[in-house]
PDB file of N, CA and C in Angstrom:
ATOM      1  N   MET A   1     212.465-115.429 127.030  1.00  0.00           N
ATOM      2  CA  MET A   1     213.489-115.279 126.017  1.00  0.00           C
ATOM      3  C   MET A   1     214.761-114.766 126.689  1.00  0.00           C
ATOM      4  N   SER A   2     215.869-115.348 126.367  1.00  0.00           N
ATOM      5  CA  SER A   2     217.116-115.002 127.032  1.00  0.00           C
ATOM      6  C   SER A   2     217.753-113.748 126.426  1.00  0.00           C
ATOM      7  N   TYR A   3     218.566-113.125 127.234  1.00  0.00           N
ATOM      8  CA  TYR A   3     219.338-111.961 126.799  1.00  0.00           C
ATOM      9  C   TYR A   3     220.186-112.337 125.584  1.00  0.00           C
ATOM     10  N   PHE A   4     220.808-113.507 125.637  1.00  0.00           N
ATOM     11  CA  PHE A   4     221.665-113.965 124.543  1.00  0.00           C
ATOM     12  C   PHE A   4     220.891-114.022 123.230  1.00  0.00           C
ATOM     13  N   LEU A   5     219.708-114.640 123.239  1.00  0.00           N
ATOM     14  CA  LEU A   5     218.929-114.772 122.005  1.00  0.00           C
ATOM     15  C   LEU A   5     218.485-113.413 121.480  1.00  0.00           C
ATOM     16  N   LYS A   6     218.117-112.502 122.383  1.00  0.00           N
ATOM     17  CA  LYS A   6     217.730-111.154 121.941  1.00  0.00           C
ATOM     18  C   LYS A   6     218.897-110.446 121.270  1.00  0.00           C
ATOM     19  N   GLN A   7     220.076-110.537 121.869  1.00  0.00           N
ATOM     20  CA  GLN A   7     221.252-109.874 121.303  1.00  0.00           C
ATOM     21  C   GLN A   7     221.687-110.549 119.996  1.00  0.00           C
ATOM     22  N   PHE A   8     221.611-111.868 119.956  1.00  0.00           N
ATOM     23  CA  PHE A   8     221.914-112.618 118.740  1.00  0.00           C
ATOM     24  C   PHE A   8     221.005-112.143 117.606  1.00  0.00           C
ATOM     25  N   GLY A   9     219.719-112.003 117.919  1.00  0.00           N
ATOM     26  CA  GLY A   9     218.754-111.529 116.928  1.00  0.00           C
ATOM     27  C   GLY A   9     219.034-110.106 116.476  1.00  0.00           C
ATOM     28  N   LYS A  10     219.427-109.255 117.416  1.00  0.00           N
ATOM     29  CA  LYS A  10     219.766-107.875 117.054  1.00  0.00           C
ATOM     30  C   LYS A  10     220.954-107.848 116.102  1.00  0.00           C
ATOM     31  N   ASN A  11     221.910-108.760 116.308  1.00  0.00           N
ATOM     32  CA  ASN A  11     223.067-108.831 115.407  1.00  0.00           C
ATOM     33  C   ASN A  11     222.630-109.214 113.999  1.00  0.00           C
ATOM     34  N   ILE A  12     221.734-110.177 113.890  1.00  0.00           N
ATOM     35  CA  ILE A  12     221.236-110.561 112.564  1.00  0.00           C
ATOM     36  C   ILE A  12     220.591-109.359 111.890  1.00  0.00           C
ATOM     37  N   LYS A  13     219.724-108.677 112.613  1.00  0.00           N
ATOM     38  CA  LYS A  13     219.029-107.509 112.055  1.00  0.00           C
ATOM     39  C   LYS A  13     220.025-106.418 111.664  1.00  0.00           C
ATOM     40  N   TYR A  14     221.007-106.165 112.524  1.00  0.00           N
ATOM     41  CA  TYR A  14     222.011-105.139 112.244  1.00  0.00           C
ATOM     42  C   TYR A  14     222.743-105.435 110.927  1.00  0.00           C
ATOM     43  N   TYR A  15     223.246-106.656 110.785  1.00  0.00           N
ATOM     44  CA  TYR A  15     224.000-106.992 109.577  1.00  0.00           C
ATOM     45  C   TYR A  15     223.101-107.058 108.340  1.00  0.00           C
ATOM     46  N   ARG A  16     221.853-107.441 108.515  1.00  0.00           N
ATOM     47  CA  ARG A  16     220.907-107.445 107.386  1.00  0.00           C
ATOM     48  C   ARG A  16     220.689-106.017 106.900  1.00  0.00           C
ATOM     49  N   GLN A  17     220.435-105.114 107.826  1.00  0.00           N
ATOM     50  CA  GLN A  17     220.203-103.722 107.464  1.00  0.00           C
ATOM     51  C   GLN A  17     221.465-103.074 106.913  1.00  0.00           C
ATOM     52  N   LEU A  18     222.612-103.438 107.466  1.00  0.00           N
ATOM     53  CA  LEU A  18     223.886-102.917 106.980  1.00  0.00           C
ATOM     54  C   LEU A  18     224.086-103.264 105.503  1.00  0.00           C
ATOM     55  N   ARG A  19     223.644-104.442 105.110  1.00  0.00           N
ATOM     56  CA  ARG A  19     223.753-104.880 103.706  1.00  0.00           C
ATOM     57  C   ARG A  19     222.610-104.357 102.848  1.00  0.00           C
ATOM     58  N   GLY A  20     221.651-103.662 103.477  1.00  0.00           N
ATOM     59  CA  GLY A  20     220.538-103.094 102.720  1.00  0.00           C
ATOM     60  C   GLY A  20     219.536-104.128 102.261  1.00  0.00           C
ATOM     61  N   LEU A  21     219.404-105.208 103.018  1.00  0.00           N
ATOM     62  CA  LEU A  21     218.493-106.288 102.638  1.00  0.00           C
ATOM     63  C   LEU A  21     217.203-106.225 103.453  1.00  0.00           C
ATOM     64  N   SER A  22     216.108-106.551 102.813  1.00  0.00           N
ATOM     65  CA  SER A  22     214.854-106.714 103.536  1.00  0.00           C
ATOM     66  C   SER A  22     214.831-108.122 104.117  1.00  0.00           C
ATOM     67  N   GLN A  23     213.911-108.364 105.035  1.00  0.00           N
ATOM     68  CA  GLN A  23     213.763-109.722 105.569  1.00  0.00           C
ATOM     69  C   GLN A  23     213.415-110.682 104.437  1.00  0.00           C
ATOM     70  N   GLU A  24     212.599-110.241 103.512  1.00  0.00           N
ATOM     71  CA  GLU A  24     212.193-111.082 102.383  1.00  0.00           C
ATOM     72  C   GLU A  24     213.405-111.457 101.522  1.00  0.00           C
ATOM     73  N   GLN A  25     214.238-110.477 101.203  1.00  0.00           N
ATOM     74  CA  GLN A  25     215.428-110.750 100.380  1.00  0.00           C
ATOM     75  C   GLN A  25     216.358-111.726 101.083  1.00  0.00           C
ATOM     76  N   LEU A  26     216.592-111.483 102.374  1.00  0.00           N
ATOM     77  CA  LEU A  26     217.475-112.371 103.130  1.00  0.00           C
ATOM     78  C   LEU A  26     216.884-113.769 103.224  1.00  0.00           C
ATOM     79  N   SER A  27     215.583-113.859 103.409  1.00  0.00           N
ATOM     80  CA  SER A  27     214.948-115.178 103.527  1.00  0.00           C
ATOM     81  C   SER A  27     215.146-115.991 102.249  1.00  0.00           C
ATOM     82  N   GLU A  28     215.091-115.330 101.114  1.00  0.00           N
ATOM     83  CA  GLU A  28     215.317-116.029  99.838  1.00  0.00           C
ATOM     84  C   GLU A  28     216.758-116.521  99.728  1.00  0.00           C
ATOM     85  N   MET A  29     217.697-115.714 100.190  1.00  0.00           N
ATOM     86  CA  MET A  29     219.108-116.079 100.118  1.00  0.00           C
ATOM     87  C   MET A  29     219.450-117.242 101.046  1.00  0.00           C
ATOM     88  N   VAL A  30     218.748-117.328 102.179  1.00  0.00           N
ATOM     89  CA  VAL A  30     219.035-118.355 103.182  1.00  0.00           C
ATOM     90  C   VAL A  30     218.108-119.565 103.020  1.00  0.00           C
ATOM     91  N   ASP A  31     217.098-119.414 102.174  1.00  0.00           N
ATOM     92  CA  ASP A  31     216.132-120.485 101.906  1.00  0.00           C
ATOM     93  C   ASP A  31     215.280-120.820 103.138  1.00  0.00           C
ATOM     94  N   VAL A  32     214.751-119.754 103.743  1.00  0.00           N
ATOM     95  CA  VAL A  32     213.806-119.880 104.852  1.00  0.00           C
ATOM     96  C   VAL A  32     212.678-118.878 104.597  1.00  0.00           C
ATOM     97  N   SER A  33     211.635-118.940 105.408  1.00  0.00           N
ATOM     98  CA  SER A  33     210.542-117.979 105.249  1.00  0.00           C
ATOM     99  C   SER A  33     210.922-116.625 105.844  1.00  0.00           C
ATOM    100  N   ARG A  34     210.233-115.583 105.405  1.00  0.00           N
ATOM    101  CA  ARG A  34     210.450-114.261 105.977  1.00  0.00           C
ATOM    102  C   ARG A  34     210.117-114.281 107.468  1.00  0.00           C
ATOM    103  N   ASN A  35     209.106-115.067 107.812  1.00  0.00           N
ATOM    104  CA  ASN A  35     208.716-115.205 109.216  1.00  0.00           C
ATOM    105  C   ASN A  35     209.865-115.775 110.055  1.00  0.00           C
ATOM    106  N   THR A  36     210.618-116.718 109.505  1.00  0.00           N
ATOM    107  CA  THR A  36     211.755-117.299 110.223  1.00  0.00           C
ATOM    108  C   THR A  36     212.810-116.235 110.503  1.00  0.00           C
ATOM    109  N   ILE A  37     213.081-115.388 109.520  1.00  0.00           N
ATOM    110  CA  ILE A  37     214.043-114.294 109.734  1.00  0.00           C
ATOM    111  C   ILE A  37     213.547-113.407 110.878  1.00  0.00           C
ATOM    112  N   GLY A  38     212.266-113.099 110.868  1.00  0.00           N
ATOM    113  CA  GLY A  38     211.682-112.284 111.935  1.00  0.00           C
ATOM    114  C   GLY A  38     211.811-112.942 113.300  1.00  0.00           C
ATOM    115  N   LEU A  39     211.594-114.243 113.356  1.00  0.00           N
ATOM    116  CA  LEU A  39     211.729-114.967 114.628  1.00  0.00           C
ATOM    117  C   LEU A  39     213.169-114.954 115.121  1.00  0.00           C
ATOM    118  N   TRP A  40     214.123-115.116 114.215  1.00  0.00           N
ATOM    119  CA  TRP A  40     215.535-115.043 114.603  1.00  0.00           C
ATOM    120  C   TRP A  40     215.867-113.655 115.128  1.00  0.00           C
ATOM    121  N   GLU A  41     215.410-112.623 114.399  1.00  0.00           N
ATOM    122  CA  GLU A  41     215.750-111.253 114.761  1.00  0.00           C
ATOM    123  C   GLU A  41     215.136-110.822 116.090  1.00  0.00           C
ATOM    124  N   THR A  42     214.025-111.403 116.464  1.00  0.00           N
ATOM    125  CA  THR A  42     213.392-111.043 117.735  1.00  0.00           C
ATOM    126  C   THR A  42     213.812-111.968 118.865  1.00  0.00           C
ATOM    127  N   GLY A  43     214.659-112.950 118.569  1.00  0.00           N
ATOM    128  CA  GLY A  43     215.142-113.869 119.596  1.00  0.00           C
ATOM    129  C   GLY A  43     214.114-114.915 119.998  1.00  0.00           C
ATOM    130  N   LYS A  44     213.092-115.115 119.185  1.00  0.00           N
ATOM    131  CA  LYS A  44     212.047-116.082 119.516  1.00  0.00           C
ATOM    132  C   LYS A  44     212.328-117.469 118.962  1.00  0.00           C
ATOM    133  N   SER A  45     213.364-117.567 118.141  1.00  0.00           N
ATOM    134  CA  SER A  45     213.758-118.849 117.566  1.00  0.00           C
ATOM    135  C   SER A  45     215.266-118.833 117.381  1.00  0.00           C
ATOM    136  N   PHE A  46     215.874-120.015 117.415  1.00  0.00           N
ATOM    137  CA  PHE A  46     217.319-120.116 117.246  1.00  0.00           C
ATOM    138  C   PHE A  46     217.614-120.810 115.922  1.00  0.00           C
ATOM    139  N   ILE A  47     218.715-120.470 115.348  1.00  0.00           N
ATOM    140  CA  ILE A  47     219.107-120.946 114.029  1.00  0.00           C
ATOM    141  C   ILE A  47     219.834-122.283 114.124  1.00  0.00           C
ATOM    142  N   ASP A  48     219.702-123.120 113.092  1.00  0.00           N
ATOM    143  CA  ASP A  48     220.483-124.349 113.068  1.00  0.00           C
ATOM    144  C   ASP A  48     221.769-124.099 112.268  1.00  0.00           C
ATOM    145  N   TYR A  49     222.712-125.010 112.403  1.00  0.00           N
ATOM    146  CA  TYR A  49     224.041-124.796 111.829  1.00  0.00           C
ATOM    147  C   TYR A  49     224.037-124.592 110.311  1.00  0.00           C
ATOM    148  N   PRO A  50     223.359-125.441 109.522  1.00  0.00           N
ATOM    149  CA  PRO A  50     223.390-125.224 108.068  1.00  0.00           C
ATOM    150  C   PRO A  50     222.829-123.855 107.655  1.00  0.00           C
ATOM    151  N   LYS A  51     221.773-123.413 108.336  1.00  0.00           N
ATOM    152  CA  LYS A  51     221.197-122.104 108.016  1.00  0.00           C
ATOM    153  C   LYS A  51     222.125-120.973 108.477  1.00  0.00           C
ATOM    154  N   LEU A  52     222.832-121.191 109.575  1.00  0.00           N
ATOM    155  CA  LEU A  52     223.782-120.188 110.039  1.00  0.00           C
ATOM    156  C   LEU A  52     224.870-119.957 108.996  1.00  0.00           C
ATOM    157  N   VAL A  53     225.357-121.025 108.413  1.00  0.00           N
ATOM    158  CA  VAL A  53     226.392-120.909 107.383  1.00  0.00           C
ATOM    159  C   VAL A  53     225.852-120.101 106.200  1.00  0.00           C
ATOM    160  N   LYS A  54     224.636-120.418 105.748  1.00  0.00           N
ATOM    161  CA  LYS A  54     224.022-119.683 104.638  1.00  0.00           C
ATOM    162  C   LYS A  54     223.790-118.218 105.010  1.00  0.00           C
ATOM    163  N   LEU A  55     223.332-117.994 106.235  1.00  0.00           N
ATOM    164  CA  LEU A  55     223.063-116.633 106.698  1.00  0.00           C
ATOM    165  C   LEU A  55     224.335-115.790 106.668  1.00  0.00           C
ATOM    166  N   CYS A  56     225.417-116.336 107.200  1.00  0.00           N
ATOM    167  CA  CYS A  56     226.677-115.591 107.254  1.00  0.00           C
ATOM    168  C   CYS A  56     227.223-115.316 105.855  1.00  0.00           C
ATOM    169  N   LYS A  57     227.061-116.255 104.957  1.00  0.00           N
ATOM    170  CA  LYS A  57     227.486-116.022 103.571  1.00  0.00           C
ATOM    171  C   LYS A  57     226.650-114.922 102.932  1.00  0.00           C
ATOM    172  N   ALA A  58     225.345-114.960 103.164  1.00  0.00           N
ATOM    173  CA  ALA A  58     224.451-113.944 102.604  1.00  0.00           C
ATOM    174  C   ALA A  58     224.778-112.561 103.156  1.00  0.00           C
ATOM    175  N   LEU A  59     225.121-112.495 104.428  1.00  0.00           N
ATOM    176  CA  LEU A  59     225.426-111.218 105.075  1.00  0.00           C
ATOM    177  C   LEU A  59     226.884-110.811 104.893  1.00  0.00           C
ATOM    178  N   GLU A  60     227.682-111.723 104.318  1.00  0.00           N
ATOM    179  CA  GLU A  60     229.107-111.484 104.080  1.00  0.00           C
ATOM    180  C   GLU A  60     229.845-111.173 105.378  1.00  0.00           C
ATOM    181  N   ILE A  61     229.600-112.022 106.381  1.00  0.00           N
ATOM    182  CA  ILE A  61     230.256-111.865 107.673  1.00  0.00           C
ATOM    183  C   ILE A  61     230.817-113.196 108.130  1.00  0.00           C
ATOM    184  N   ASP A  62     231.762-113.122 109.053  1.00  0.00           N
ATOM    185  CA  ASP A  62     232.300-114.301 109.705  1.00  0.00           C
ATOM    186  C   ASP A  62     231.282-114.747 110.759  1.00  0.00           C
ATOM    187  N   PRO A  63     231.059-116.046 110.918  1.00  0.00           N
ATOM    188  CA  PRO A  63     230.094-116.498 111.926  1.00  0.00           C
ATOM    189  C   PRO A  63     230.359-115.969 113.334  1.00  0.00           C
ATOM    190  N   ALA A  64     231.610-115.731 113.676  1.00  0.00           N
ATOM    191  CA  ALA A  64     231.909-115.206 115.005  1.00  0.00           C
ATOM    192  C   ALA A  64     231.247-113.849 115.231  1.00  0.00           C
ATOM    193  N   GLN A  65     231.068-113.078 114.156  1.00  0.00           N
ATOM    194  CA  GLN A  65     230.454-111.762 114.287  1.00  0.00           C
ATOM    195  C   GLN A  65     229.001-111.852 114.748  1.00  0.00           C
ATOM    196  N   ILE A  66     228.311-112.863 114.310  1.00  0.00           N
ATOM    197  CA  ILE A  66     226.896-113.001 114.659  1.00  0.00           C
ATOM    198  C   ILE A  66     226.733-113.357 116.136  1.00  0.00           C
ATOM    199  N   PHE A  67     227.776-113.957 116.733  1.00  0.00           N
ATOM    200  CA  PHE A  67     227.732-114.332 118.145  1.00  0.00           C
ATOM    201  C   PHE A  67     228.377-113.284 119.051  1.00  0.00           C
ATOM    202  N   ASP A  68     228.711-112.137 118.503  1.00  0.00           N
ATOM    203  CA  ASP A  68     229.336-111.081 119.300  1.00  0.00           C
ATOM    204  C   ASP A  68     228.267-110.402 120.147  1.00  0.00           C
ATOM    205  N   VAL A  69     228.064-110.947 121.332  1.00  0.00           N
ATOM    206  CA  VAL A  69     227.034-110.457 122.241  1.00  0.00           C
ATOM    207  C   VAL A  69     227.715-109.762 123.412  1.00  0.00           C
ATOM    208  N   ILE A  70     227.540-108.450 123.475  1.00  0.00           N
ATOM    209  CA  ILE A  70     228.177-107.654 124.511  1.00  0.00           C
ATOM    210  C   ILE A  70     227.113-107.179 125.499  1.00  0.00           C
ATOM    211  N   PRO A  71     227.311-107.465 126.776  1.00  0.00           N
ATOM    212  CA  PRO A  71     226.351-107.000 127.778  1.00  0.00           C
ATOM    213  C   PRO A  71     226.329-105.478 127.867  1.00  0.00           C
ATOM    214  N   GLU A  72     225.230-104.944 128.333  1.00  0.00           N
ATOM    215  CA  GLU A  72     225.085-103.491 128.454  1.00  0.00           C
ATOM    216  C   GLU A  72     225.996-102.908 129.527  1.00  0.00           C
ATOM    217  N   ASN A  73     226.267-103.681 130.568  1.00  0.00           N
ATOM    218  CA  ASN A  73     227.133-103.183 131.633  1.00  0.00           C
ATOM    219  C   ASN A  73     227.777-104.360 132.355  1.00  0.00           C
ATOM    220  N   GLU A  74     228.697-104.067 133.253  1.00  0.00           N
ATOM    221  CA  GLU A  74     229.429-105.118 133.971  1.00  0.00           C
ATOM    222  C   GLU A  74     228.502-106.080 134.702  1.00  0.00           C
ATOM    223  N   ALA A  75     227.451-105.567 135.319  1.00  0.00           N
ATOM    224  CA  ALA A  75     226.538-106.421 136.088  1.00  0.00           C
ATOM    225  C   ALA A  75     225.832-107.429 135.198  1.00  0.00           C
ATOM    226  N   SER A  76     225.694-107.103 133.924  1.00  0.00           N
ATOM    227  CA  SER A  76     224.969-108.020 133.052  1.00  0.00           C
ATOM    228  C   SER A  76     225.833-109.182 132.555  1.00  0.00           C
ATOM    229  N   TYR A  77     227.152-109.159 132.811  1.00  0.00           N
ATOM    230  CA  TYR A  77     227.974-110.317 132.455  1.00  0.00           C
ATOM    231  C   TYR A  77     227.460-111.575 133.154  1.00  0.00           C
ATOM    232  N   GLN A  78     227.142-111.432 134.434  1.00  0.00           N
ATOM    233  CA  GLN A  78     226.619-112.571 135.182  1.00  0.00           C
ATOM    234  C   GLN A  78     225.271-113.000 134.607  1.00  0.00           C
ATOM    235  N   LYS A  79     224.412-112.029 134.285  1.00  0.00           N
ATOM    236  CA  LYS A  79     223.099-112.352 133.717  1.00  0.00           C
ATOM    237  C   LYS A  79     223.270-113.050 132.369  1.00  0.00           C
ATOM    238  N   GLN A  80     224.195-112.560 131.552  1.00  0.00           N
ATOM    239  CA  GLN A  80     224.423-113.176 130.246  1.00  0.00           C
ATOM    240  C   GLN A  80     224.864-114.622 130.409  1.00  0.00           C
ATOM    241  N   THR A  81     225.748-114.886 131.352  1.00  0.00           N
ATOM    242  CA  THR A  81     226.196-116.256 131.608  1.00  0.00           C
ATOM    243  C   THR A  81     225.027-117.132 132.023  1.00  0.00           C
ATOM    244  N   LEU A  82     224.189-116.617 132.886  1.00  0.00           N
ATOM    245  CA  LEU A  82     223.014-117.385 133.315  1.00  0.00           C
ATOM    246  C   LEU A  82     222.047-117.599 132.159  1.00  0.00           C
ATOM    247  N   ASP A  83     221.856-116.591 131.311  1.00  0.00           N
ATOM    248  CA  ASP A  83     220.962-116.727 130.160  1.00  0.00           C
ATOM    249  C   ASP A  83     221.459-117.801 129.204  1.00  0.00           C
ATOM    250  N   ILE A  84     222.763-117.820 128.961  1.00  0.00           N
ATOM    251  CA  ILE A  84     223.317-118.840 128.073  1.00  0.00           C
ATOM    252  C   ILE A  84     223.088-120.225 128.666  1.00  0.00           C
ATOM    253  N   SER A  85     223.187-120.317 129.991  1.00  0.00           N
ATOM    254  CA  SER A  85     222.976-121.624 130.610  1.00  0.00           C
ATOM    255  C   SER A  85     221.520-122.078 130.507  1.00  0.00           C
ATOM    256  N   ASN A  86     220.620-121.165 130.185  1.00  0.00           N
ATOM    257  CA  ASN A  86     219.213-121.518 130.012  1.00  0.00           C
ATOM    258  C   ASN A  86     218.880-121.975 128.593  1.00  0.00           C
ATOM    259  N   LEU A  87     219.862-121.964 127.709  1.00  0.00           N
ATOM    260  CA  LEU A  87     219.635-122.455 126.358  1.00  0.00           C
ATOM    261  C   LEU A  87     219.436-123.966 126.400  1.00  0.00           C
ATOM    262  N   SER A  88     218.721-124.460 125.418  1.00  0.00           N
ATOM    263  CA  SER A  88     218.509-125.904 125.360  1.00  0.00           C
ATOM    264  C   SER A  88     219.811-126.608 124.982  1.00  0.00           C
ATOM    265  N   LYS A  89     219.860-127.907 125.220  1.00  0.00           N
ATOM    266  CA  LYS A  89     221.048-128.685 124.884  1.00  0.00           C
ATOM    267  C   LYS A  89     221.344-128.593 123.388  1.00  0.00           C
ATOM    268  N   SER A  90     220.315-128.633 122.562  1.00  0.00           N
ATOM    269  CA  SER A  90     220.549-128.566 121.115  1.00  0.00           C
ATOM    270  C   SER A  90     221.101-127.200 120.710  1.00  0.00           C
ATOM    271  N   GLN A  91     220.654-126.126 121.363  1.00  0.00           N
ATOM    272  CA  GLN A  91     221.183-124.803 121.064  1.00  0.00           C
ATOM    273  C   GLN A  91     222.646-124.699 121.489  1.00  0.00           C
ATOM    274  N   VAL A  92     222.970-125.220 122.656  1.00  0.00           N
ATOM    275  CA  VAL A  92     224.356-125.213 123.125  1.00  0.00           C
ATOM    276  C   VAL A  92     225.232-126.061 122.194  1.00  0.00           C
ATOM    277  N   ASP A  93     224.723-127.206 121.765  1.00  0.00           N
ATOM    278  CA  ASP A  93     225.475-128.066 120.846  1.00  0.00           C
ATOM    279  C   ASP A  93     225.785-127.344 119.544  1.00  0.00           C
ATOM    280  N   ILE A  94     224.827-126.576 119.032  1.00  0.00           N
ATOM    281  CA  ILE A  94     225.040-125.810 117.796  1.00  0.00           C
ATOM    282  C   ILE A  94     226.149-124.789 117.997  1.00  0.00           C
ATOM    283  N   ILE A  95     226.091-124.064 119.107  1.00  0.00           N
ATOM    284  CA  ILE A  95     227.102-123.043 119.387  1.00  0.00           C
ATOM    285  C   ILE A  95     228.482-123.686 119.514  1.00  0.00           C
ATOM    286  N   LEU A  96     228.573-124.787 120.224  1.00  0.00           N
ATOM    287  CA  LEU A  96     229.859-125.469 120.386  1.00  0.00           C
ATOM    288  C   LEU A  96     230.391-125.993 119.059  1.00  0.00           C
ATOM    289  N   LYS A  97     229.503-126.480 118.211  1.00  0.00           N
ATOM    290  CA  LYS A  97     229.923-126.964 116.897  1.00  0.00           C
ATOM    291  C   LYS A  97     230.480-125.818 116.065  1.00  0.00           C
ATOM    292  N   ILE A  98     229.821-124.693 116.104  1.00  0.00           N
ATOM    293  CA  ILE A  98     230.284-123.533 115.346  1.00  0.00           C
ATOM    294  C   ILE A  98     231.651-123.080 115.840  1.00  0.00           C
ATOM    295  N   ILE A  99     231.813-122.997 117.140  1.00  0.00           N
ATOM    296  CA  ILE A  99     233.089-122.578 117.717  1.00  0.00           C
ATOM    297  C   ILE A  99     234.205-123.534 117.310  1.00  0.00           C
ATOM    298  N   SER A 100     233.937-124.839 117.394  1.00  0.00           N
ATOM    299  CA  SER A 100     234.977-125.812 117.052  1.00  0.00           C
ATOM    300  C   SER A 100     235.306-125.776 115.567  1.00  0.00           C
ATOM    301  N   GLU A 101     234.314-125.552 114.717  1.00  0.00           N
ATOM    302  CA  GLU A 101     234.555-125.481 113.265  1.00  0.00           C
ATOM    303  C   GLU A 101     235.460-124.318 112.893  1.00  0.00           C
ATOM    304  N   PHE A 102     235.292-123.203 113.556  1.00  0.00           N
ATOM    305  CA  PHE A 102     236.044-122.024 113.192  1.00  0.00           C
ATOM    306  C   PHE A 102     237.355-121.883 113.946  1.00  0.00           C
ATOM    307  N   ARG A 103     237.671-122.817 114.815  1.00  0.00           N
ATOM    308  CA  ARG A 103     238.976-122.846 115.477  1.00  0.00           C
ATOM    309  C   ARG A 103     239.967-123.649 114.662  1.00  0.00           C
ATOM    310  N   LYS A 104     239.475-124.396 113.696  1.00  0.00           N
ATOM    311  CA  LYS A 104     240.340-125.270 112.882  1.00  0.00           C
ATOM    312  C   LYS A 104     241.209-124.459 111.951  1.00  0.00           C
TER     313      LYS A 104
END
């Protein structure tokens, strides 16, 4: 599991808890199983674009906030870059689509 996915998952959990939502409540709002929310939060699964849009609306955040992944220290910038490069093509395509949508 990559550093990026772990941090991405922590962001989901952070914003869910900030809104006072359980995984079950959030899963109903996003129309996925509670298990899926758990997989996202632990970095074991990646979200698709339509669910990301629903997730951000449910959490009342801008999609850019969910991708705010900050390394623990300067040395981890290189590791983070390498971790992102280990994402699958479909995961990278999703991220690029999100970035391009919100630059408009």
